[in-house]
């Protein structure tokens, strides 16, 4: 019998995150302007998950990847972002580790250019 994936205990979820939702407005030229507005405050655990290489502007950028474990929320999706103080994280995938809906694990990448206030 397979053992369920190990999730951090509730006491380890002491990092404060702000869920940022995208808001798109027409730019008047047929495109959209996207900005992120603050949503609810969430408490979670942040764990390193390695590095990710992204091709940007003809060069390869290396970004830090993390796993953020939160209480189960149905409305999490990869269009959203998480903020923890001055740090910003792009959500790349959301999984339910045990299939019961109690926890959500967000696989995120830190956005280096947006870590300023």
Protein backbone atom coordinates (compact mmCIF):
# COMPACT_ATOMS: atom_id res chain seq x y z
CA UNK A 1 0.00 0.00 0.00
CA UNK A 2 1.37 3.40 -0.98
CA UNK A 3 1.90 5.97 1.73
CA UNK A 4 0.19 9.33 1.23
CA UNK A 5 2.43 12.31 0.44
CA UNK A 6 3.74 14.11 3.49
CA UNK A 7 2.29 17.57 4.04
CA UNK A 8 3.54 20.10 6.57
CA UNK A 9 1.62 20.18 9.87
CA UNK A 10 -0.68 23.12 10.50
CA UNK A 11 1.83 24.67 12.91
CA UNK A 12 4.43 24.91 10.13
CA UNK A 13 2.07 27.00 8.00
CA UNK A 14 3.01 30.31 9.52
CA UNK A 15 3.96 32.28 6.43
CA UNK A 16 1.43 34.92 5.43
CA UNK A 17 0.48 35.05 1.74
CA UNK A 18 -1.81 37.41 -0.11
CA UNK A 19 -3.64 35.85 -3.03
CA UNK A 20 -3.54 38.21 -6.03
CA UNK A 21 -6.16 37.80 -8.71
CA UNK A 22 -5.73 39.03 -12.31
CA UNK A 23 -7.88 41.88 -13.53
CA UNK A 24 -7.86 42.47 -17.27
CA UNK A 25 -9.01 45.72 -18.87
CA UNK A 26 -9.09 46.58 -22.58
CA UNK A 27 -6.20 48.79 -23.66
CA UNK A 28 -8.09 50.45 -26.52
CA UNK A 29 -5.92 48.84 -29.21
CA UNK A 30 -7.46 45.36 -29.26
CA UNK A 31 -5.36 43.95 -26.40
CA UNK A 32 -5.67 43.89 -22.65
CA UNK A 33 -3.82 45.34 -19.70
CA UNK A 34 -3.43 42.89 -16.84
CA UNK A 35 -2.89 43.93 -13.26
CA UNK A 36 -3.19 41.97 -10.06
CA UNK A 37 -5.47 42.98 -7.20
CA UNK A 38 -5.07 41.77 -3.65
CA UNK A 39 -7.50 39.14 -2.46
CA UNK A 40 -7.74 37.14 0.75
CA UNK A 41 -4.90 36.51 3.19
CA UNK A 42 -3.80 32.86 3.35
CA UNK A 43 -1.45 31.05 5.71
CA UNK A 44 0.87 28.43 4.30
CA UNK A 45 4.24 26.69 4.31
CA UNK A 46 6.97 27.49 1.79
CA UNK A 47 9.43 24.75 0.77
CA UNK A 48 12.16 24.90 -1.90
CA UNK A 49 11.65 22.75 -4.99
CA UNK A 50 14.78 23.47 -7.02
CA UNK A 51 15.31 25.80 -9.96
CA UNK A 52 13.57 26.30 -13.29
CA UNK A 53 15.16 27.62 -16.47
CA UNK A 54 13.07 29.92 -18.66
CA UNK A 55 13.99 31.31 -22.06
CA UNK A 56 13.50 35.09 -21.98
CA UNK A 57 14.79 37.65 -24.46
CA UNK A 58 17.18 35.26 -26.17
CA UNK A 59 18.84 34.12 -22.95
CA UNK A 60 18.09 31.56 -20.30
CA UNK A 61 17.01 32.85 -16.90
CA UNK A 62 17.17 30.67 -13.82
CA UNK A 63 14.27 31.09 -11.38
CA UNK A 64 13.83 29.62 -7.92
CA UNK A 65 10.94 27.15 -7.66
CA UNK A 66 8.98 26.45 -4.48
CA UNK A 67 6.05 24.44 -3.16
CA UNK A 68 3.47 26.38 -1.15
CA UNK A 69 1.09 24.27 0.95
CA UNK A 70 -2.22 25.95 1.80
CA UNK A 71 -5.56 24.85 3.19
CA UNK A 72 -7.90 23.64 0.44
CA UNK A 73 -9.38 26.40 -1.69
CA UNK A 74 -11.37 25.66 -4.82
CA UNK A 75 -10.61 28.94 -6.56
CA UNK A 76 -6.83 28.61 -6.89
CA UNK A 77 -5.59 28.48 -10.47
CA UNK A 78 -2.41 29.25 -12.47
CA UNK A 79 -3.59 32.72 -13.52
CA UNK A 80 -3.18 33.96 -9.93
CA UNK A 81 -0.13 35.00 -7.94
CA UNK A 82 0.93 34.84 -4.34
CA UNK A 83 2.68 37.63 -2.44
CA UNK A 84 4.67 37.18 0.78
CA UNK A 85 5.95 40.56 1.91
CA UNK A 86 8.06 41.99 -0.94
CA UNK A 87 8.34 38.60 -2.70
CA UNK A 88 6.03 37.65 -5.59
CA UNK A 89 5.33 34.12 -6.80
CA UNK A 90 3.69 33.04 -10.06
CA UNK A 91 1.50 29.96 -9.62
CA UNK A 92 2.39 27.39 -12.29
CA UNK A 93 0.28 24.44 -11.10
CA UNK A 94 -2.13 23.57 -8.27
CA UNK A 95 -2.48 20.00 -6.98
CA UNK A 96 -4.46 18.18 -4.32
CA UNK A 97 -1.89 15.86 -2.70
CA UNK A 98 -4.26 13.30 -1.17
CA UNK A 99 -7.44 13.79 -3.22
CA UNK A 100 -9.54 14.78 -0.20
CA UNK A 101 -9.56 18.52 -0.83
CA UNK A 102 -8.11 19.44 2.57
CA UNK A 103 -4.85 20.86 1.24
CA UNK A 104 -3.65 22.49 -1.96
CA UNK A 105 -0.04 22.48 -3.09
CA UNK A 106 0.87 25.36 -5.38
CA UNK A 107 3.97 24.87 -7.50
CA UNK A 108 5.30 28.40 -7.85
CA UNK A 109 8.23 30.34 -9.30
CA UNK A 110 9.61 33.46 -7.69
CA UNK A 111 9.34 36.52 -9.92
CA UNK A 112 12.66 38.35 -9.53
CA UNK A 113 11.73 41.64 -11.22
CA UNK A 114 8.61 42.08 -9.11
CA UNK A 115 10.16 41.63 -5.67
CA UNK A 116 10.20 45.37 -5.19
CA UNK A 117 7.34 47.19 -3.53
